[in-house]
């Protein structure tokens, strides 16, 4: 549990009806712009993961990069970007998945991990779980272990965190919001 949970949650802006009617978009930009709350967010993750003997943070394109980079630095871990298809210049493994608003493909370099590496998979938000689940499958395809899936926000009404848990992955989110 994050000591700063309420402060972090209160820094997230809700934008009604974006990107489409009926959606309550959870905007983390005000959180990132507030240096004190952003520090508390990263510190919350550092305290949670400092004793887990991780090897890498697999940060999902693009907002996961914002979280994964300072966390990897603070914990002395490698940072492995999970990129959208066509963005990595070396040999890759890919996974396609469904999103709340369509479908997409992500990829990892084939040499991103060593067999047995302990990996934290990180993004800003868990909605339907498609992106996070695809990233977890890529980590496993490269014979690394997913220790946990982490996000700032979980939208449990969309079922993504349940889908991840049902697939055998541990999930941690700083805060939850009802609805879409």
N, C-alpha and C. Protein backbone atom coordinates (compact mmCIF):
# COMPACT_ATOMS: atom_id res chain seq x y z
N UNK A 1 0.84 -1.18 0.00
CA UNK A 1 0.00 0.00 0.00
C UNK A 1 0.89 1.25 0.00
N UNK A 2 0.53 2.19 -0.81
CA UNK A 2 1.30 3.42 -0.90
C UNK A 2 0.89 4.40 0.18
N UNK A 3 1.87 4.89 0.91
CA UNK A 3 1.65 5.89 1.94
C UNK A 3 1.03 7.16 1.34
N UNK A 4 1.37 7.45 0.09
CA UNK A 4 0.94 8.68 -0.58
C UNK A 4 -0.25 8.47 -1.52
N UNK A 5 -0.93 7.36 -1.40
CA UNK A 5 -1.99 6.99 -2.34
C UNK A 5 -2.99 8.11 -2.61
N UNK A 6 -3.54 8.70 -1.57
CA UNK A 6 -4.57 9.73 -1.76
C UNK A 6 -4.01 10.96 -2.46
N UNK A 7 -2.82 11.37 -2.07
CA UNK A 7 -2.20 12.53 -2.72
C UNK A 7 -1.94 12.27 -4.20
N UNK A 8 -1.48 11.08 -4.51
CA UNK A 8 -1.23 10.71 -5.92
C UNK A 8 -2.55 10.67 -6.68
N UNK A 9 -3.54 10.01 -6.12
CA UNK A 9 -4.84 9.90 -6.79
C UNK A 9 -5.46 11.27 -7.04
N UNK A 10 -5.36 12.15 -6.06
CA UNK A 10 -5.94 13.49 -6.19
C UNK A 10 -5.23 14.35 -7.23
N UNK A 11 -4.00 13.99 -7.59
CA UNK A 11 -3.26 14.74 -8.61
C UNK A 11 -3.61 14.30 -10.03
N UNK A 12 -4.40 13.25 -10.17
CA UNK A 12 -4.79 12.75 -11.49
C UNK A 12 -6.07 13.46 -11.93
N UNK A 13 -6.03 14.04 -13.12
CA UNK A 13 -7.17 14.79 -13.66
C UNK A 13 -8.08 13.83 -14.42
N UNK A 14 -9.38 13.99 -14.26
CA UNK A 14 -10.35 13.23 -15.03
C UNK A 14 -10.92 14.12 -16.11
N UNK A 15 -10.84 13.66 -17.35
CA UNK A 15 -11.38 14.39 -18.49
C UNK A 15 -12.56 13.59 -19.03
N UNK A 16 -13.75 14.16 -18.90
CA UNK A 16 -14.96 13.46 -19.34
C UNK A 16 -15.06 13.43 -20.86
N UNK A 17 -15.57 12.30 -21.36
CA UNK A 17 -15.89 12.13 -22.78
C UNK A 17 -14.68 12.28 -23.70
N UNK A 18 -13.54 11.75 -23.27
CA UNK A 18 -12.35 11.76 -24.12
C UNK A 18 -11.64 10.43 -24.01
N UNK A 19 -11.27 9.78 -25.06
CA UNK A 19 -11.27 10.22 -26.46
C UNK A 19 -12.60 10.01 -27.17
N UNK A 20 -13.57 9.47 -26.45
CA UNK A 20 -14.89 9.31 -27.06
C UNK A 20 -15.96 9.47 -25.99
N UNK A 21 -17.18 9.69 -26.43
CA UNK A 21 -18.31 9.89 -25.53
C UNK A 21 -18.43 8.74 -24.53
N UNK A 22 -18.64 9.08 -23.27
CA UNK A 22 -18.84 8.08 -22.22
C UNK A 22 -17.58 7.64 -21.50
N UNK A 23 -16.41 8.02 -22.01
CA UNK A 23 -15.15 7.62 -21.39
C UNK A 23 -14.70 8.71 -20.42
N UNK A 24 -14.27 8.28 -19.25
CA UNK A 24 -13.67 9.18 -18.26
C UNK A 24 -12.16 8.97 -18.31
N UNK A 25 -11.45 9.80 -19.05
CA UNK A 25 -10.01 9.65 -19.25
C UNK A 25 -9.26 10.08 -17.99
N UNK A 26 -8.35 9.25 -17.52
CA UNK A 26 -7.55 9.54 -16.34
C UNK A 26 -6.20 10.08 -16.79
N UNK A 27 -6.01 11.37 -16.63
CA UNK A 27 -4.86 12.10 -17.15
C UNK A 27 -3.80 12.25 -16.06
N UNK A 28 -2.62 11.63 -16.26
CA UNK A 28 -1.55 11.70 -15.26
C UNK A 28 -0.64 12.91 -15.44
N UNK A 29 -0.87 13.73 -16.46
CA UNK A 29 0.02 14.87 -16.70
C UNK A 29 0.09 15.83 -15.51
N UNK A 30 -1.02 16.18 -14.84
CA UNK A 30 -0.88 17.05 -13.67
C UNK A 30 -0.03 16.42 -12.56
N UNK A 31 -0.12 15.12 -12.39
CA UNK A 31 0.71 14.41 -11.41
C UNK A 31 2.19 14.57 -11.77
N UNK A 32 2.52 14.38 -13.04
CA UNK A 32 3.92 14.48 -13.47
C UNK A 32 4.44 15.90 -13.36
N UNK A 33 3.55 16.87 -13.57
CA UNK A 33 3.96 18.28 -13.52
C UNK A 33 4.16 18.78 -12.09
N UNK A 34 3.64 18.07 -11.12
CA UNK A 34 3.80 18.43 -9.72
C UNK A 34 5.01 17.68 -9.18
N UNK A 35 6.14 18.36 -9.07
CA UNK A 35 7.39 17.68 -8.72
C UNK A 35 7.33 16.95 -7.39
N UNK A 36 6.58 17.48 -6.43
CA UNK A 36 6.48 16.82 -5.13
C UNK A 36 5.69 15.52 -5.21
N UNK A 37 4.59 15.53 -5.94
CA UNK A 37 3.77 14.32 -6.07
C UNK A 37 4.48 13.30 -6.96
N UNK A 38 5.14 13.76 -8.01
CA UNK A 38 5.88 12.83 -8.88
C UNK A 38 6.97 12.13 -8.07
N UNK A 39 7.68 12.87 -7.23
CA UNK A 39 8.71 12.26 -6.39
C UNK A 39 8.09 11.22 -5.45
N UNK A 40 6.94 11.55 -4.86
CA UNK A 40 6.27 10.62 -3.96
C UNK A 40 5.82 9.37 -4.71
N UNK A 41 5.40 9.53 -5.95
CA UNK A 41 5.02 8.37 -6.76
C UNK A 41 6.21 7.44 -6.96
N UNK A 42 7.32 7.98 -7.43
CA UNK A 42 8.50 7.15 -7.67
C UNK A 42 9.01 6.56 -6.36
N UNK A 43 9.01 7.35 -5.29
CA UNK A 43 9.44 6.84 -3.99
C UNK A 43 8.55 5.67 -3.54
N UNK A 44 7.25 5.75 -3.82
CA UNK A 44 6.34 4.66 -3.46
C UNK A 44 6.76 3.36 -4.14
N UNK A 45 7.10 3.45 -5.42
CA UNK A 45 7.56 2.25 -6.13
C UNK A 45 8.91 1.78 -5.61
N UNK A 46 9.82 2.71 -5.34
CA UNK A 46 11.14 2.33 -4.83
C UNK A 46 10.98 1.54 -3.53
N UNK A 47 10.16 2.04 -2.63
CA UNK A 47 9.97 1.35 -1.35
C UNK A 47 9.33 -0.03 -1.54
N UNK A 48 8.45 -0.15 -2.50
CA UNK A 48 7.80 -1.44 -2.74
C UNK A 48 8.79 -2.47 -3.32
N UNK A 49 9.64 -2.02 -4.22
CA UNK A 49 10.46 -2.97 -4.99
C UNK A 49 11.92 -3.07 -4.58
N UNK A 50 12.38 -2.28 -3.63
CA UNK A 50 13.81 -2.25 -3.31
C UNK A 50 14.36 -3.57 -2.78
N UNK A 51 13.54 -4.42 -2.21
CA UNK A 51 14.03 -5.67 -1.64
C UNK A 51 13.66 -6.92 -2.44
N UNK A 52 13.16 -6.74 -3.65
CA UNK A 52 12.68 -7.89 -4.43
C UNK A 52 13.71 -8.52 -5.37
N UNK A 53 14.93 -8.02 -5.35
CA UNK A 53 16.00 -8.60 -6.18
C UNK A 53 15.59 -8.68 -7.64
N UNK A 54 15.18 -7.56 -8.17
CA UNK A 54 14.81 -7.47 -9.59
C UNK A 54 16.05 -7.25 -10.44
N UNK A 55 15.94 -7.60 -11.73
CA UNK A 55 17.01 -7.36 -12.68
C UNK A 55 16.69 -6.24 -13.66
N UNK A 56 15.39 -6.05 -13.95
CA UNK A 56 15.01 -5.10 -14.99
C UNK A 56 13.60 -4.58 -14.78
N UNK A 57 13.37 -3.40 -15.34
CA UNK A 57 12.03 -2.85 -15.47
C UNK A 57 11.70 -2.86 -16.96
N UNK A 58 10.62 -3.56 -17.32
CA UNK A 58 10.11 -3.53 -18.70
C UNK A 58 9.03 -2.46 -18.74
N UNK A 59 9.37 -1.32 -19.32
CA UNK A 59 8.49 -0.15 -19.32
C UNK A 59 7.76 -0.07 -20.66
N UNK A 60 6.44 0.02 -20.59
CA UNK A 60 5.60 -0.03 -21.79
C UNK A 60 5.46 1.35 -22.42
N UNK A 61 5.62 1.40 -23.72
CA UNK A 61 5.50 2.59 -24.56
C UNK A 61 4.14 3.25 -24.37
N UNK A 62 4.06 4.48 -24.07
CA UNK A 62 5.10 5.47 -23.86
C UNK A 62 5.11 5.97 -22.42
N UNK A 63 3.95 6.04 -21.78
CA UNK A 63 3.94 6.59 -20.42
C UNK A 63 4.63 5.68 -19.42
N UNK A 64 4.73 4.40 -19.70
CA UNK A 64 5.48 3.51 -18.83
C UNK A 64 6.96 3.89 -18.78
N UNK A 65 7.46 4.51 -19.86
CA UNK A 65 8.85 4.96 -19.88
C UNK A 65 9.09 6.02 -18.80
N UNK A 66 8.09 6.90 -18.61
CA UNK A 66 8.21 8.00 -17.66
C UNK A 66 8.37 7.46 -16.24
N UNK A 67 7.72 6.36 -15.95
CA UNK A 67 7.80 5.74 -14.62
C UNK A 67 8.99 4.80 -14.51
N UNK A 68 9.19 4.01 -15.54
CA UNK A 68 10.22 2.98 -15.50
C UNK A 68 11.63 3.51 -15.42
N UNK A 69 11.91 4.61 -16.12
CA UNK A 69 13.28 5.13 -16.14
C UNK A 69 13.76 5.58 -14.77
N UNK A 70 13.03 6.45 -14.06
CA UNK A 70 13.55 6.83 -12.74
C UNK A 70 13.55 5.68 -11.74
N UNK A 71 12.60 4.77 -11.86
CA UNK A 71 12.58 3.63 -10.95
C UNK A 71 13.77 2.72 -11.20
N UNK A 72 14.05 2.40 -12.46
CA UNK A 72 15.21 1.57 -12.79
C UNK A 72 16.50 2.22 -12.29
N UNK A 73 16.61 3.52 -12.49
CA UNK A 73 17.79 4.25 -12.02
C UNK A 73 17.94 4.15 -10.51
N UNK A 74 16.87 4.43 -9.79
CA UNK A 74 16.92 4.41 -8.32
C UNK A 74 17.25 3.02 -7.77
N UNK A 75 16.78 1.97 -8.44
CA UNK A 75 16.99 0.61 -7.95
C UNK A 75 18.23 -0.05 -8.56
N UNK A 76 18.91 0.64 -9.47
CA UNK A 76 20.09 0.08 -10.11
C UNK A 76 19.78 -1.07 -11.05
N UNK A 77 18.65 -0.97 -11.75
CA UNK A 77 18.19 -2.01 -12.67
C UNK A 77 18.36 -1.58 -14.11
N UNK A 78 18.30 -2.54 -15.00
CA UNK A 78 18.26 -2.18 -16.42
C UNK A 78 16.85 -1.74 -16.77
N UNK A 79 16.76 -0.89 -17.78
CA UNK A 79 15.48 -0.42 -18.31
C UNK A 79 15.30 -1.00 -19.70
N UNK A 80 14.20 -1.73 -19.87
CA UNK A 80 13.91 -2.35 -21.17
C UNK A 80 12.61 -1.76 -21.71
N UNK A 81 12.70 -0.93 -22.74
CA UNK A 81 11.49 -0.37 -23.34
C UNK A 81 10.72 -1.43 -24.12
N UNK A 82 9.43 -1.54 -23.83
CA UNK A 82 8.51 -2.36 -24.61
C UNK A 82 7.89 -1.40 -25.61
N UNK A 83 8.23 -1.56 -26.89
CA UNK A 83 7.88 -0.55 -27.90
C UNK A 83 6.72 -0.97 -28.78
N UNK A 84 6.10 0.03 -29.37
CA UNK A 84 5.10 -0.21 -30.40
C UNK A 84 5.82 -0.77 -31.62
N UNK A 85 5.11 -1.58 -32.39
CA UNK A 85 5.69 -2.26 -33.55
C UNK A 85 6.36 -1.26 -34.50
N UNK A 86 7.55 -1.67 -34.96
CA UNK A 86 8.27 -0.88 -35.94
C UNK A 86 9.21 0.16 -35.36
N UNK A 87 9.38 0.20 -34.05
CA UNK A 87 10.21 1.22 -33.42
C UNK A 87 11.58 0.71 -32.99
N UNK A 88 11.79 -0.61 -33.00
CA UNK A 88 13.06 -1.17 -32.54
C UNK A 88 13.89 -1.62 -33.74
N UNK A 89 15.20 -1.29 -33.75
CA UNK A 89 16.03 -1.54 -34.93
C UNK A 89 16.68 -2.92 -35.02
N UNK A 90 16.56 -3.74 -33.99
CA UNK A 90 17.25 -5.02 -33.95
C UNK A 90 16.22 -6.14 -34.05
N UNK A 91 16.65 -7.39 -33.96
CA UNK A 91 15.73 -8.54 -34.00
C UNK A 91 14.75 -8.44 -32.83
N UNK A 92 13.47 -8.73 -33.12
CA UNK A 92 12.44 -8.56 -32.10
C UNK A 92 11.53 -9.78 -31.99
N UNK A 93 10.85 -9.85 -30.85
CA UNK A 93 9.69 -10.73 -30.67
C UNK A 93 8.50 -9.79 -30.56
N UNK A 94 7.35 -10.22 -31.07
CA UNK A 94 6.18 -9.35 -31.09
C UNK A 94 4.96 -10.06 -30.51
N UNK A 95 4.02 -9.24 -30.03
CA UNK A 95 2.74 -9.75 -29.55
C UNK A 95 1.66 -8.74 -29.94
N UNK A 96 0.58 -9.25 -30.49
CA UNK A 96 -0.57 -8.41 -30.83
C UNK A 96 -1.66 -8.63 -29.78
N UNK A 97 -2.49 -7.62 -29.58
CA UNK A 97 -3.50 -7.68 -28.52
C UNK A 97 -4.60 -6.67 -28.82
N UNK A 98 -5.71 -6.83 -28.12
CA UNK A 98 -6.83 -5.91 -28.25
C UNK A 98 -6.74 -4.83 -27.19
N UNK A 99 -7.09 -3.62 -27.59
CA UNK A 99 -7.15 -2.48 -26.69
C UNK A 99 -8.61 -2.12 -26.44
N UNK A 100 -8.80 -1.18 -25.53
CA UNK A 100 -10.15 -0.68 -25.27
C UNK A 100 -10.73 -0.04 -26.53
N UNK A 101 -9.86 0.54 -27.38
CA UNK A 101 -10.31 1.26 -28.58
C UNK A 101 -9.76 0.68 -29.87
N UNK A 102 -9.41 -0.60 -29.93
CA UNK A 102 -8.88 -1.18 -31.17
C UNK A 102 -7.90 -2.30 -30.88
N UNK A 103 -6.85 -2.40 -31.69
CA UNK A 103 -5.82 -3.42 -31.48
C UNK A 103 -4.46 -2.80 -31.76
N UNK A 104 -3.41 -3.50 -31.31
CA UNK A 104 -2.05 -3.00 -31.48
C UNK A 104 -1.06 -4.15 -31.37
N UNK A 105 0.19 -3.86 -31.68
CA UNK A 105 1.28 -4.82 -31.57
C UNK A 105 2.44 -4.15 -30.85
N UNK A 106 3.05 -4.87 -29.92
CA UNK A 106 4.24 -4.39 -29.24
C UNK A 106 5.38 -5.36 -29.49
N UNK A 107 6.60 -4.90 -29.19
CA UNK A 107 7.76 -5.75 -29.42
C UNK A 107 8.88 -5.46 -28.43
N UNK A 108 9.76 -6.44 -28.32
CA UNK A 108 10.97 -6.36 -27.51
C UNK A 108 12.14 -6.85 -28.34
N UNK A 109 13.32 -6.30 -28.09
CA UNK A 109 14.52 -6.88 -28.70
C UNK A 109 14.71 -8.30 -28.16
N UNK A 110 15.20 -9.18 -29.00
CA UNK A 110 15.39 -10.58 -28.59
C UNK A 110 16.45 -10.73 -27.51
N UNK A 111 17.32 -9.75 -27.35
CA UNK A 111 18.36 -9.82 -26.32
C UNK A 111 18.04 -8.91 -25.12
N UNK A 112 16.76 -8.60 -24.91
CA UNK A 112 16.36 -7.68 -23.84
C UNK A 112 16.65 -8.23 -22.45
N UNK A 113 16.55 -9.54 -22.29
CA UNK A 113 16.74 -10.18 -20.99
C UNK A 113 17.60 -11.41 -21.13
N UNK A 114 18.19 -11.81 -20.00
CA UNK A 114 18.84 -13.11 -19.92
C UNK A 114 17.83 -14.08 -19.32
N UNK A 115 17.96 -15.35 -19.65
CA UNK A 115 17.06 -16.36 -19.07
C UNK A 115 17.13 -16.28 -17.55
N UNK A 116 15.97 -16.25 -16.92
CA UNK A 116 15.90 -16.19 -15.47
C UNK A 116 15.87 -14.80 -14.87
N UNK A 117 16.05 -13.76 -15.68
CA UNK A 117 15.97 -12.39 -15.16
C UNK A 117 14.61 -12.18 -14.49
N UNK A 118 14.64 -11.42 -13.40
CA UNK A 118 13.41 -11.08 -12.66
C UNK A 118 12.99 -9.67 -13.09
N UNK A 119 11.78 -9.57 -13.63
CA UNK A 119 11.36 -8.36 -14.33
C UNK A 119 10.08 -7.79 -13.73
N UNK A 120 10.07 -6.47 -13.57
CA UNK A 120 8.87 -5.72 -13.23
C UNK A 120 8.33 -5.12 -14.52
N UNK A 121 7.08 -5.40 -14.85
CA UNK A 121 6.45 -4.83 -16.05
C UNK A 121 5.64 -3.63 -15.60
N UNK A 122 5.87 -2.47 -16.24
CA UNK A 122 5.31 -1.21 -15.75
C UNK A 122 4.64 -0.40 -16.84
N UNK A 123 3.47 0.15 -16.50
CA UNK A 123 2.76 1.10 -17.36
C UNK A 123 2.03 2.08 -16.46
N UNK A 124 1.43 3.08 -17.05
CA UNK A 124 0.73 4.07 -16.24
C UNK A 124 -0.64 3.61 -15.79
N UNK A 125 -1.30 2.75 -16.58
CA UNK A 125 -2.69 2.43 -16.34
C UNK A 125 -3.01 1.01 -16.80
N UNK A 126 -3.86 0.33 -16.05
CA UNK A 126 -4.39 -0.97 -16.48
C UNK A 126 -5.87 -0.78 -16.74
N UNK A 127 -6.26 -0.95 -18.00
CA UNK A 127 -7.67 -0.84 -18.38
C UNK A 127 -8.17 -2.25 -18.69
N UNK A 128 -8.15 -2.63 -19.96
CA UNK A 128 -8.59 -3.98 -20.33
C UNK A 128 -7.49 -5.02 -20.12
N UNK A 129 -6.26 -4.56 -19.88
CA UNK A 129 -5.16 -5.46 -19.59
C UNK A 129 -4.43 -5.99 -20.80
N UNK A 130 -4.88 -5.66 -21.99
CA UNK A 130 -4.28 -6.21 -23.20
C UNK A 130 -2.81 -5.88 -23.37
N UNK A 131 -2.45 -4.63 -23.18
CA UNK A 131 -1.06 -4.21 -23.36
C UNK A 131 -0.16 -4.89 -22.33
N UNK A 132 -0.57 -4.84 -21.09
CA UNK A 132 0.24 -5.42 -20.01
C UNK A 132 0.38 -6.93 -20.19
N UNK A 133 -0.71 -7.59 -20.54
CA UNK A 133 -0.66 -9.04 -20.73
C UNK A 133 0.26 -9.40 -21.90
N UNK A 134 0.19 -8.66 -22.99
CA UNK A 134 1.08 -8.91 -24.13
C UNK A 134 2.53 -8.71 -23.73
N UNK A 135 2.82 -7.66 -22.96
CA UNK A 135 4.19 -7.42 -22.50
C UNK A 135 4.68 -8.57 -21.62
N UNK A 136 3.82 -9.05 -20.74
CA UNK A 136 4.19 -10.18 -19.87
C UNK A 136 4.51 -11.42 -20.69
N UNK A 137 3.73 -11.67 -21.73
CA UNK A 137 4.00 -12.83 -22.58
C UNK A 137 5.33 -12.69 -23.31
N UNK A 138 5.67 -11.47 -23.73
CA UNK A 138 6.96 -11.27 -24.38
C UNK A 138 8.12 -11.50 -23.40
N UNK A 139 7.96 -11.01 -22.17
CA UNK A 139 9.00 -11.24 -21.15
C UNK A 139 9.20 -12.74 -20.96
N UNK A 140 8.11 -13.46 -20.83
CA UNK A 140 8.20 -14.93 -20.65
C UNK A 140 8.77 -15.61 -21.88
N UNK A 141 8.40 -15.12 -23.07
CA UNK A 141 8.94 -15.72 -24.30
C UNK A 141 10.46 -15.64 -24.32
N UNK A 142 11.00 -14.59 -23.71
CA UNK A 142 12.46 -14.44 -23.64
C UNK A 142 13.04 -15.13 -22.41
N UNK A 143 12.25 -15.99 -21.76
CA UNK A 143 12.66 -16.84 -20.64
C UNK A 143 13.02 -16.06 -19.37
N UNK A 144 12.41 -14.89 -19.23
CA UNK A 144 12.57 -14.13 -17.99
C UNK A 144 11.29 -14.31 -17.17
N UNK A 145 11.37 -13.93 -15.90
CA UNK A 145 10.25 -14.09 -14.98
C UNK A 145 9.59 -12.74 -14.71
N UNK A 146 8.28 -12.67 -14.85
CA UNK A 146 7.53 -11.47 -14.48
C UNK A 146 7.27 -11.55 -12.98
N UNK A 147 7.88 -10.66 -12.22
CA UNK A 147 7.70 -10.64 -10.77
C UNK A 147 6.38 -9.96 -10.42
N UNK A 148 6.07 -8.86 -11.11
CA UNK A 148 4.82 -8.16 -10.86
C UNK A 148 4.53 -7.22 -12.02
N UNK A 149 3.25 -6.87 -12.16
CA UNK A 149 2.79 -5.86 -13.11
C UNK A 149 2.42 -4.64 -12.28
N UNK A 150 2.99 -3.47 -12.60
CA UNK A 150 2.76 -2.28 -11.80
C UNK A 150 2.21 -1.15 -12.66
N UNK A 151 1.33 -0.36 -12.04
CA UNK A 151 0.76 0.81 -12.70
C UNK A 151 0.41 1.85 -11.65
N UNK A 152 0.19 3.06 -12.11
CA UNK A 152 -0.33 4.09 -11.21
C UNK A 152 -1.81 3.81 -10.96
N UNK A 153 -2.53 3.55 -12.05
CA UNK A 153 -3.99 3.47 -12.02
C UNK A 153 -4.48 2.11 -12.47
N UNK A 154 -5.45 1.57 -11.74
CA UNK A 154 -6.19 0.39 -12.17
C UNK A 154 -7.64 0.82 -12.38
N UNK A 155 -8.21 0.39 -13.49
CA UNK A 155 -9.63 0.59 -13.76
C UNK A 155 -10.30 -0.78 -13.67
N UNK A 156 -10.60 -1.25 -12.45
CA UNK A 156 -11.07 -2.63 -12.27
C UNK A 156 -12.37 -2.95 -13.01
N UNK A 157 -13.21 -1.95 -13.25
CA UNK A 157 -14.46 -2.20 -13.97
C UNK A 157 -14.22 -2.69 -15.39
N UNK A 158 -13.04 -2.41 -15.95
CA UNK A 158 -12.71 -2.88 -17.31
C UNK A 158 -12.10 -4.27 -17.32
N UNK A 159 -11.77 -4.81 -16.15
CA UNK A 159 -11.38 -6.21 -16.04
C UNK A 159 -9.93 -6.56 -16.33
N UNK A 160 -9.10 -5.58 -16.60
CA UNK A 160 -7.71 -5.88 -16.95
C UNK A 160 -6.90 -6.49 -15.83
N UNK A 161 -7.02 -5.94 -14.63
CA UNK A 161 -6.24 -6.50 -13.51
C UNK A 161 -6.69 -7.91 -13.19
N UNK A 162 -7.98 -8.18 -13.30
CA UNK A 162 -8.48 -9.55 -13.09
C UNK A 162 -7.93 -10.49 -14.17
N UNK A 163 -7.92 -10.02 -15.41
CA UNK A 163 -7.38 -10.83 -16.51
C UNK A 163 -5.91 -11.17 -16.26
N UNK A 164 -5.14 -10.20 -15.79
CA UNK A 164 -3.73 -10.45 -15.49
C UNK A 164 -3.58 -11.45 -14.35
N UNK A 165 -4.36 -11.28 -13.29
CA UNK A 165 -4.28 -12.21 -12.16
C UNK A 165 -4.71 -13.62 -12.58
N UNK A 166 -5.77 -13.69 -13.39
CA UNK A 166 -6.23 -14.99 -13.88
C UNK A 166 -5.17 -15.69 -14.73
N UNK A 167 -4.29 -14.90 -15.37
CA UNK A 167 -3.20 -15.45 -16.18
C UNK A 167 -1.97 -15.78 -15.32
N UNK A 168 -2.09 -15.54 -14.00
CA UNK A 168 -1.00 -15.92 -13.10
C UNK A 168 -0.02 -14.81 -12.75
N UNK A 169 -0.36 -13.57 -13.06
CA UNK A 169 0.55 -12.45 -12.78
C UNK A 169 0.07 -11.67 -11.57
N UNK A 170 1.01 -11.28 -10.71
CA UNK A 170 0.70 -10.40 -9.59
C UNK A 170 0.56 -8.98 -10.13
N UNK A 171 -0.36 -8.22 -9.55
CA UNK A 171 -0.66 -6.87 -10.03
C UNK A 171 -0.63 -5.91 -8.85
N UNK A 172 -0.02 -4.74 -9.08
CA UNK A 172 -0.02 -3.68 -8.08
C UNK A 172 -0.32 -2.36 -8.78
N UNK A 173 -1.28 -1.63 -8.24
CA UNK A 173 -1.57 -0.28 -8.72
C UNK A 173 -1.66 0.64 -7.50
N UNK A 174 -1.18 1.85 -7.64
CA UNK A 174 -1.21 2.82 -6.56
C UNK A 174 -2.66 3.17 -6.21
N UNK A 175 -3.52 3.35 -7.23
CA UNK A 175 -4.90 3.73 -6.96
C UNK A 175 -5.84 3.15 -8.01
N UNK A 176 -7.12 3.19 -7.68
CA UNK A 176 -8.17 2.68 -8.58
C UNK A 176 -9.19 3.78 -8.82
N UNK A 177 -9.80 3.70 -10.00
CA UNK A 177 -10.94 4.56 -10.32
C UNK A 177 -12.07 3.67 -10.83
N UNK A 178 -13.29 3.97 -10.42
CA UNK A 178 -14.46 3.25 -10.92
C UNK A 178 -14.77 3.70 -12.34
N UNK A 179 -15.45 2.83 -13.08
CA UNK A 179 -15.90 3.17 -14.43
C UNK A 179 -14.80 3.11 -15.46
N UNK A 180 -15.05 3.76 -16.57
CA UNK A 180 -14.11 3.78 -17.69
C UNK A 180 -13.18 4.96 -17.52
